[in-house]
Each structure stands twice: as structure tokens, then as C-alpha cells.
PDB file of N, CA and C in Angstrom:
ATOM      1  N   MET A   1     163.279 117.698 177.832  1.00  0.00           N
ATOM      2  CA  MET A   1     163.752 117.071 176.844  1.00  0.00           C
ATOM      3  C   MET A   1     162.841 115.810 176.763  1.00  0.00           C
ATOM      4  N   LYS A   2     162.738 114.992 177.582  1.00  0.00           N
ATOM      5  CA  LYS A   2     161.766 113.874 177.398  1.00  0.00           C
ATOM      6  C   LYS A   2     160.440 114.234 176.370  1.00  0.00           C
ATOM      7  N   ARG A   3     159.695 115.655 177.033  1.00  0.00           N
ATOM      8  CA  ARG A   3     158.482 115.827 176.087  1.00  0.00           C
ATOM      9  C   ARG A   3     159.085 115.897 174.815  1.00  0.00           C
ATOM     10  N   ILE A   4     159.726 116.765 174.258  1.00  0.00           N
ATOM     11  CA  ILE A   4     160.217 116.898 172.872  1.00  0.00           C
ATOM     12  C   ILE A   4     160.683 115.725 172.049  1.00  0.00           C
ATOM     13  N   GLY A   5     160.957 114.527 172.815  1.00  0.00           N
ATOM     14  CA  GLY A   5     160.886 113.504 172.110  1.00  0.00           C
ATOM     15  C   GLY A   5     159.831 112.632 172.249  1.00  0.00           C
ATOM     16  N   LEU A   6     159.096 112.654 173.300  1.00  0.00           N
ATOM     17  CA  LEU A   6     157.806 112.374 173.208  1.00  0.00           C
ATOM     18  C   LEU A   6     156.879 112.775 171.816  1.00  0.00           C
ATOM     19  N   MET A   7     157.314 113.930 171.781  1.00  0.00           N
ATOM     20  CA  MET A   7     156.365 114.918 170.784  1.00  0.00           C
ATOM     21  C   MET A   7     156.454 114.644 169.373  1.00  0.00           C
ATOM     22  N   ILE A   8     158.058 114.512 169.228  1.00  0.00           N
ATOM     23  CA  ILE A   8     158.690 113.934 167.943  1.00  0.00           C
ATOM     24  C   ILE A   8     158.138 112.536 167.433  1.00  0.00           C
ATOM     25  N   CYS A   9     158.204 111.329 168.554  1.00  0.00           N
ATOM     26  CA  CYS A   9     157.667 110.587 168.408  1.00  0.00           C
ATOM     27  C   CYS A   9     156.491 110.079 167.526  1.00  0.00           C
ATOM     28  N   GLY A  10     155.547 110.738 168.332  1.00  0.00           N
ATOM     29  CA  GLY A  10     153.957 111.061 168.187  1.00  0.00           C
ATOM     30  C   GLY A  10     153.546 111.719 166.759  1.00  0.00           C
ATOM     31  N   LEU A  11     154.460 113.000 166.279  1.00  0.00           N
ATOM     32  CA  LEU A  11     154.269 113.102 165.178  1.00  0.00           C
ATOM     33  C   LEU A  11     154.558 112.381 164.190  1.00  0.00           C
ATOM     34  N   THR A  12     155.903 111.658 164.501  1.00  0.00           N
ATOM     35  CA  THR A  12     156.300 110.395 163.155  1.00  0.00           C
ATOM     36  C   THR A  12     155.302 109.511 162.948  1.00  0.00           C
ATOM     37  N   MET A  13     154.531 109.022 164.269  1.00  0.00           N
ATOM     38  CA  MET A  13     153.797 107.739 164.099  1.00  0.00           C
ATOM     39  C   MET A  13     152.341 108.282 163.319  1.00  0.00           C
ATOM     40  N   ALA A  14     151.864 109.546 164.028  1.00  0.00           N
ATOM     41  CA  ALA A  14     150.862 109.922 163.071  1.00  0.00           C
ATOM     42  C   ALA A  14     151.106 110.527 161.713  1.00  0.00           C
ATOM     43  N   ALA A  15     152.191 110.664 161.550  1.00  0.00           N
ATOM     44  CA  ALA A  15     152.851 110.576 159.872  1.00  0.00           C
ATOM     45  C   ALA A  15     152.671 109.516 159.022  1.00  0.00           C
ATOM     46  N   SER A  16     153.307 108.289 159.750  1.00  0.00           N
ATOM     47  CA  SER A  16     153.058 107.067 158.888  1.00  0.00           C
ATOM     48  C   SER A  16     151.929 106.364 159.204  1.00  0.00           C
ATOM     49  N   ALA A  17     151.029 106.831 159.855  1.00  0.00           N
ATOM     50  CA  ALA A  17     149.476 106.150 159.776  1.00  0.00           C
ATOM     51  C   ALA A  17     148.668 106.942 158.679  1.00  0.00           C
ATOM     52  N   ALA A  18     149.186 108.526 158.344  1.00  0.00           N
ATOM     53  CA  ALA A  18     148.572 109.180 157.449  1.00  0.00           C
ATOM     54  C   ALA A  18     149.045 108.536 155.923  1.00  0.00           C
ATOM     55  N   PHE A  19     149.742 107.740 155.743  1.00  0.00           N
ATOM     56  CA  PHE A  19     150.310 107.502 154.673  1.00  0.00           C
ATOM     57  C   PHE A  19     150.287 106.015 154.615  1.00  0.00           C
ATOM     58  N   ALA A  20     149.555 105.307 155.054  1.00  0.00           N
ATOM     59  CA  ALA A  20     149.395 103.922 154.894  1.00  0.00           C
ATOM     60  C   ALA A  20     148.721 103.623 153.848  1.00  0.00           C
ATOM     61  N   ASP A  21     148.872 102.102 153.128  1.00  0.00           N
ATOM     62  CA  ASP A  21     148.264 101.996 151.957  1.00  0.00           C
ATOM     63  C   ASP A  21     147.035 101.644 151.952  1.00  0.00           C
ATOM     64  N   ASP A  22     146.273 101.527 150.705  1.00  0.00           N
ATOM     65  CA  ASP A  22     145.112 100.847 150.986  1.00  0.00           C
ATOM     66  C   ASP A  22     144.482  99.423 150.117  1.00  0.00           C
ATOM     67  N   LYS A  23     143.716  99.183 150.406  1.00  0.00           N
ATOM     68  CA  LYS A  23     143.729  97.650 149.896  1.00  0.00           C
ATOM     69  C   LYS A  23     142.890  98.041 148.613  1.00  0.00           C
ATOM     70  N   VAL A  24     143.277  97.140 147.578  1.00  0.00           N
ATOM     71  CA  VAL A  24     142.931  97.167 146.288  1.00  0.00           C
ATOM     72  C   VAL A  24     141.130  96.582 145.950  1.00  0.00           C
ATOM     73  N   SER A  25     140.456  97.050 145.123  1.00  0.00           N
ATOM     74  CA  SER A  25     139.102  96.594 144.633  1.00  0.00           C
ATOM     75  C   SER A  25     139.566  95.010 143.956  1.00  0.00           C
ATOM     76  N   GLU A  26     138.490  94.554 143.996  1.00  0.00           N
ATOM     77  CA  GLU A  26     138.194  93.144 143.275  1.00  0.00           C
ATOM     78  C   GLU A  26     138.706  93.449 142.218  1.00  0.00           C
ATOM     79  N   ASP A  27     137.824  94.461 141.178  1.00  0.00           N
ATOM     80  CA  ASP A  27     138.479  94.693 139.916  1.00  0.00           C
ATOM     81  C   ASP A  27     139.872  95.012 139.522  1.00  0.00           C
ATOM     82  N   GLU A  28     140.060  95.974 140.396  1.00  0.00           N
ATOM     83  CA  GLU A  28     141.940  96.662 140.605  1.00  0.00           C
ATOM     84  C   GLU A  28     142.614  95.076 140.445  1.00  0.00           C
ATOM     85  N   GLY A  29     142.205  94.399 141.707  1.00  0.00           N
ATOM     86  CA  GLY A  29     143.079  93.100 141.742  1.00  0.00           C
ATOM     87  C   GLY A  29     143.244  91.980 140.529  1.00  0.00           C
ATOM     88  N   LYS A  30     141.669  91.820 139.992  1.00  0.00           N
ATOM     89  CA  LYS A  30     141.921  91.404 138.564  1.00  0.00           C
ATOM     90  C   LYS A  30     142.923  91.705 137.773  1.00  0.00           C
ATOM     91  N   LYS A  31     142.737  93.125 137.524  1.00  0.00           N
ATOM     92  CA  LYS A  31     143.860  93.750 136.287  1.00  0.00           C
ATOM     93  C   LYS A  31     144.960  93.485 137.160  1.00  0.00           C
ATOM     94  N   ILE A  32     145.477  93.556 138.109  1.00  0.00           N
ATOM     95  CA  ILE A  32     146.821  93.567 138.316  1.00  0.00           C
ATOM     96  C   ILE A  32     147.592  92.240 138.272  1.00  0.00           C
ATOM     97  N   GLN A  33     146.623  91.450 138.690  1.00  0.00           N
ATOM     98  CA  GLN A  33     146.992  89.577 138.647  1.00  0.00           C
ATOM     99  C   GLN A  33     147.005  89.796 137.048  1.00  0.00           C
ATOM    100  N   ALA A  34     146.184  90.225 136.012  1.00  0.00           N
ATOM    101  CA  ALA A  34     146.531  89.984 134.591  1.00  0.00           C
ATOM    102  C   ALA A  34     148.050  90.690 134.029  1.00  0.00           C
ATOM    103  N   ALA A  35     148.152  91.767 134.721  1.00  0.00           N
ATOM    104  CA  ALA A  35     149.681  92.284 134.395  1.00  0.00           C
ATOM    105  C   ALA A  35     150.794  91.235 134.903  1.00  0.00           C
ATOM    106  N   LEU A  36     150.421  91.043 136.089  1.00  0.00           N
ATOM    107  CA  LEU A  36     151.582  89.925 136.490  1.00  0.00           C
ATOM    108  C   LEU A  36     151.596  89.089 135.609  1.00  0.00           C
ATOM    109  N   ALA A  37     150.625  88.376 135.057  1.00  0.00           N
ATOM    110  CA  ALA A  37     150.542  86.720 134.450  1.00  0.00           C
ATOM    111  C   ALA A  37     151.448  87.279 133.294  1.00  0.00           C
ATOM    112  N   ALA A  38     151.249  88.355 132.618  1.00  0.00           N
ATOM    113  CA  ALA A  38     151.624  88.752 131.492  1.00  0.00           C
ATOM    114  C   ALA A  38     153.187  88.766 131.544  1.00  0.00           C
ATOM    115  N   TRP A  39     154.218  89.089 133.188  1.00  0.00           N
ATOM    116  CA  TRP A  39     155.130  88.931 132.846  1.00  0.00           C
ATOM    117  C   TRP A  39     155.692  87.585 133.924  1.00  0.00           C
ATOM    118  N   GLY A  40     155.088  86.541 133.564  1.00  0.00           N
ATOM    119  CA  GLY A  40     155.103  85.468 134.121  1.00  0.00           C
ATOM    120  C   GLY A  40     155.084  85.545 135.644  1.00  0.00           C
ATOM    121  N   CYS A  41     154.454  86.415 136.303  1.00  0.00           N
ATOM    122  CA  CYS A  41     154.514  86.283 137.793  1.00  0.00           C
ATOM    123  C   CYS A  41     152.882  86.169 138.213  1.00  0.00           C
ATOM    124  N   SER A  42     152.779  85.717 139.288  1.00  0.00           N
ATOM    125  CA  SER A  42     151.739  85.919 140.212  1.00  0.00           C
ATOM    126  C   SER A  42     151.599  85.863 141.633  1.00  0.00           C
ATOM    127  N   GLY A  43     150.465  85.913 142.407  1.00  0.00           N
ATOM    128  CA  GLY A  43     150.051  85.760 143.877  1.00  0.00           C
ATOM    129  C   GLY A  43     150.819  87.312 144.285  1.00  0.00           C
ATOM    130  N   GLY A  44     151.065  87.415 145.454  1.00  0.00           N
ATOM    131  CA  GLY A  44     151.847  88.392 146.223  1.00  0.00           C
ATOM    132  C   GLY A  44     150.642  89.458 146.844  1.00  0.00           C
ATOM    133  N   GLU A  45     151.168  90.162 147.683  1.00  0.00           N
ATOM    134  CA  GLU A  45     150.015  91.053 148.491  1.00  0.00           C
ATOM    135  C   GLU A  45     150.212  92.064 148.052  1.00  0.00           C
ATOM    136  N   MET A  46     148.640  92.779 147.343  1.00  0.00           N
ATOM    137  CA  MET A  46     148.475  93.936 146.420  1.00  0.00           C
ATOM    138  C   MET A  46     147.995  95.161 147.377  1.00  0.00           C
ATOM    139  N   GLU A  47     148.668  96.279 147.131  1.00  0.00           N
ATOM    140  CA  GLU A  47     148.057  97.663 147.706  1.00  0.00           C
ATOM    141  C   GLU A  47     148.271  98.697 146.903  1.00  0.00           C
ATOM    142  N   LYS A  48     147.394  99.588 147.027  1.00  0.00           N
ATOM    143  CA  LYS A  48     147.121 100.882 146.449  1.00  0.00           C
ATOM    144  C   LYS A  48     147.728 102.019 147.351  1.00  0.00           C
ATOM    145  N   GLU A  49     148.363 102.425 146.746  1.00  0.00           N
ATOM    146  CA  GLU A  49     149.078 103.620 147.643  1.00  0.00           C
ATOM    147  C   GLU A  49     148.149 104.869 147.864  1.00  0.00           C
ATOM    148  N   SER A  50     148.264 105.479 149.091  1.00  0.00           N
ATOM    149  CA  SER A  50     147.116 106.012 149.133  1.00  0.00           C
ATOM    150  C   SER A  50     147.154 107.908 149.249  1.00  0.00           C
ATOM    151  N   GLU A  51     148.319 108.083 148.900  1.00  0.00           N
ATOM    152  CA  GLU A  51     148.377 109.468 148.540  1.00  0.00           C
ATOM    153  C   GLU A  51     148.070 109.682 147.191  1.00  0.00           C
ATOM    154  N   GLY A  52     147.086 109.061 146.332  1.00  0.00           N
ATOM    155  CA  GLY A  52     146.395 109.429 145.242  1.00  0.00           C
ATOM    156  C   GLY A  52     147.194 109.481 144.048  1.00  0.00           C
ATOM    157  N   SER A  53     148.271 108.997 143.827  1.00  0.00           N
ATOM    158  CA  SER A  53     149.307 108.833 143.276  1.00  0.00           C
ATOM    159  C   SER A  53     149.004 107.483 141.844  1.00  0.00           C
ATOM    160  N   GLY A  54     148.081 106.825 142.492  1.00  0.00           N
ATOM    161  CA  GLY A  54     147.203 105.758 141.659  1.00  0.00           C
ATOM    162  C   GLY A  54     148.359 104.597 141.472  1.00  0.00           C
ATOM    163  N   VAL A  55     149.219 104.846 142.078  1.00  0.00           N
ATOM    164  CA  VAL A  55     150.355 103.584 142.177  1.00  0.00           C
ATOM    165  C   VAL A  55     149.761 102.200 143.009  1.00  0.00           C
ATOM    166  N   PHE A  56     150.335 101.267 142.414  1.00  0.00           N
ATOM    167  CA  PHE A  56     149.665  99.651 142.916  1.00  0.00           C
ATOM    168  C   PHE A  56     151.208  99.244 143.444  1.00  0.00           C
ATOM    169  N   GLU A  57     151.168  98.444 144.343  1.00  0.00           N
ATOM    170  CA  GLU A  57     152.252  97.520 144.798  1.00  0.00           C
ATOM    171  C   GLU A  57     152.103  96.304 145.064  1.00  0.00           C
ATOM    172  N   VAL A  58     152.629  95.403 144.410  1.00  0.00           N
ATOM    173  CA  VAL A  58     152.473  94.275 145.096  1.00  0.00           C
ATOM    174  C   VAL A  58     153.923  93.306 145.503  1.00  0.00           C
ATOM    175  N   ASP A  59     153.903  93.230 146.590  1.00  0.00           N
ATOM    176  CA  ASP A  59     154.791  92.286 148.091  1.00  0.00           C
ATOM    177  C   ASP A  59     154.851  90.819 147.082  1.00  0.00           C
ATOM    178  N   ASP A  60     155.937  90.693 147.378  1.00  0.00           N
ATOM    179  CA  ASP A  60     156.197  88.775 147.057  1.00  0.00           C
ATOM    180  C   ASP A  60     155.808  87.994 145.930  1.00  0.00           C
ATOM    181  N   ALA A  61     155.350  88.847 144.918  1.00  0.00           N
ATOM    182  CA  ALA A  61     154.793  88.427 143.739  1.00  0.00           C
ATOM    183  C   ALA A  61     155.889  87.265 143.663  1.00  0.00           C
ATOM    184  N   THR A  62     155.155  86.024 143.048  1.00  0.00           N
ATOM    185  CA  THR A  62     155.971  84.893 142.204  1.00  0.00           C
ATOM    186  C   THR A  62     156.326  84.784 140.992  1.00  0.00           C
ATOM    187  N   CYS A  63     157.965  84.960 140.732  1.00  0.00           N
ATOM    188  CA  CYS A  63     158.318  84.979 139.329  1.00  0.00           C
ATOM    189  C   CYS A  63     159.148  83.865 139.235  1.00  0.00           C
ATOM    190  N   LYS A  64     159.717  83.909 137.937  1.00  0.00           N
ATOM    191  CA  LYS A  64     160.686  82.830 137.546  1.00  0.00           C
ATOM    192  C   LYS A  64     162.008  83.454 138.519  1.00  0.00           C
ATOM    193  N   GLY A  65     162.685  82.349 139.013  1.00  0.00           N
ATOM    194  CA  GLY A  65     163.557  82.639 139.604  1.00  0.00           C
ATOM    195  C   GLY A  65     163.528  83.287 141.210  1.00  0.00           C
ATOM    196  N   GLY A  66     162.060  83.360 141.606  1.00  0.00           N
ATOM    197  CA  GLY A  66     161.985  83.805 143.055  1.00  0.00           C
ATOM    198  C   GLY A  66     160.857  84.654 143.154  1.00  0.00           C
ATOM    199  N   GLN A  67     160.812  85.694 144.436  1.00  0.00           N
ATOM    200  CA  GLN A  67     160.114  86.420 144.664  1.00  0.00           C
ATOM    201  C   GLN A  67     160.573  87.805 144.127  1.00  0.00           C
ATOM    202  N   TYR A  68     159.664  88.693 143.789  1.00  0.00           N
ATOM    203  CA  TYR A  68     159.853  90.225 143.908  1.00  0.00           C
ATOM    204  C   TYR A  68     158.698  90.920 144.376  1.00  0.00           C
ATOM    205  N   ASP A  69     159.121  92.334 144.508  1.00  0.00           N
ATOM    206  CA  ASP A  69     158.198  93.280 144.525  1.00  0.00           C
ATOM    207  C   ASP A  69     157.942  94.098 143.198  1.00  0.00           C
ATOM    208  N   VAL A  70     156.808  94.078 142.814  1.00  0.00           N
ATOM    209  CA  VAL A  70     156.164  95.032 141.796  1.00  0.00           C
ATOM    210  C   VAL A  70     155.654  96.086 142.093  1.00  0.00           C
ATOM    211  N   LYS A  71     155.990  97.079 141.085  1.00  0.00           N
ATOM    212  CA  LYS A  71     155.142  97.879 141.355  1.00  0.00           C
ATOM    213  C   LYS A  71     154.404  98.588 139.817  1.00  0.00           C
ATOM    214  N   LEU A  72     153.302  98.976 139.561  1.00  0.00           N
ATOM    215  CA  LEU A  72     152.232  99.487 138.291  1.00  0.00           C
ATOM    216  C   LEU A  72     151.576 100.868 138.716  1.00  0.00           C
ATOM    217  N   ASN A  73     151.682 101.317 137.556  1.00  0.00           N
ATOM    218  CA  ASN A  73     151.199 102.661 137.665  1.00  0.00           C
ATOM    219  C   ASN A  73     149.530 102.312 137.545  1.00  0.00           C
ATOM    220  N   SER A  74     148.987 103.901 137.361  1.00  0.00           N
ATOM    221  CA  SER A  74     147.395 103.428 137.299  1.00  0.00           C
ATOM    222  C   SER A  74     146.441 102.939 136.184  1.00  0.00           C
ATOM    223  N   ASN A  75     147.559 102.792 135.118  1.00  0.00           N
ATOM    224  CA  ASN A  75     146.628 101.975 134.042  1.00  0.00           C
ATOM    225  C   ASN A  75     147.642 100.714 133.946  1.00  0.00           C
ATOM    226  N   PHE A  76     147.632 100.181 135.080  1.00  0.00           N
ATOM    227  CA  PHE A  76     148.104  98.701 135.449  1.00  0.00           C
ATOM    228  C   PHE A  76     148.899  98.378 134.672  1.00  0.00           C
ATOM    229  N   ALA A  77     150.131  99.014 134.330  1.00  0.00           N
ATOM    230  CA  ALA A  77     151.462  98.855 133.435  1.00  0.00           C
ATOM    231  C   ALA A  77     152.335  98.550 134.396  1.00  0.00           C
ATOM    232  N   VAL A  78     153.037  97.481 134.581  1.00  0.00           N
ATOM    233  CA  VAL A  78     154.692  97.369 135.308  1.00  0.00           C
ATOM    234  C   VAL A  78     155.190  98.020 135.055  1.00  0.00           C
ATOM    235  N   THR A  79     155.597  99.293 136.165  1.00  0.00           N
ATOM    236  CA  THR A  79     156.979 100.054 136.153  1.00  0.00           C
ATOM    237  C   THR A  79     157.846 100.067 136.764  1.00  0.00           C
ATOM    238  N   SER A  80     157.953  98.771 137.770  1.00  0.00           N
ATOM    239  CA  SER A  80     159.305  98.180 138.234  1.00  0.00           C
ATOM    240  C   SER A  80     158.731  96.921 138.923  1.00  0.00           C
ATOM    241  N   ILE A  81     160.215  95.957 138.648  1.00  0.00           N
ATOM    242  CA  ILE A  81     159.998  95.031 139.722  1.00  0.00           C
ATOM    243  C   ILE A  81     161.671  94.865 140.342  1.00  0.00           C
ATOM    244  N   SER A  82     161.661  94.561 141.468  1.00  0.00           N
ATOM    245  CA  SER A  82     162.933  94.296 141.938  1.00  0.00           C
ATOM    246  C   SER A  82     162.833  92.918 142.812  1.00  0.00           C
ATOM    247  N   ARG A  83     164.148  92.533 142.904  1.00  0.00           N
ATOM    248  CA  ARG A  83     164.097  91.123 143.739  1.00  0.00           C
ATOM    249  C   ARG A  83     163.894  91.656 145.222  1.00  0.00           C
ATOM    250  N   ASP A  84     163.270  90.633 145.741  1.00  0.00           N
ATOM    251  CA  ASP A  84     162.999  90.912 147.126  1.00  0.00           C
ATOM    252  C   ASP A  84     163.722  90.481 147.907  1.00  0.00           C
TER     253      ASP A  84
END
């Protein structure tokens, strides 16, 4: 029983590592910050989803009224803003 639990735990950790997000390039970062500025936001931690979807995420962007998580598509258009 312990072996099964350890195998499940190991598989879960391996799957999590496979879906880790990538860092954005300098050029991508500039485009993301420009898109955020158009919405009155700035800063935050930028990541690019590694699944090949081309989706960018900004965690804890500072906007009017607080901090938000922002998602952008591969064309750097904001697709969602949610309060953190």
C-alpha cells in the first residue's frame, strides 16, 4: 500500500514539473508591460505557460484598487483580469 502511495506521489510531482511556467524574454516583457499600462496596471511577476499555448500570466500586477492577476494571449492582448 505504501508503494502505491509513493508511486502516485512521484507521478504527481513529475507531472507538476512538466507543466512549470517559463520565464519571458526581454522583448515579451516589454510588450506585456505595454499591454498592462494600457489597462492602468504595472509590475508583477511575468510567466509564459510552457504548454505551448502562448498564454502569458502576470501575478500581482498593481492596478487601480489593488493587486490583480492578468492573463494575456499570444498577441499580448489582455484576456482576463482577476483580483488577487
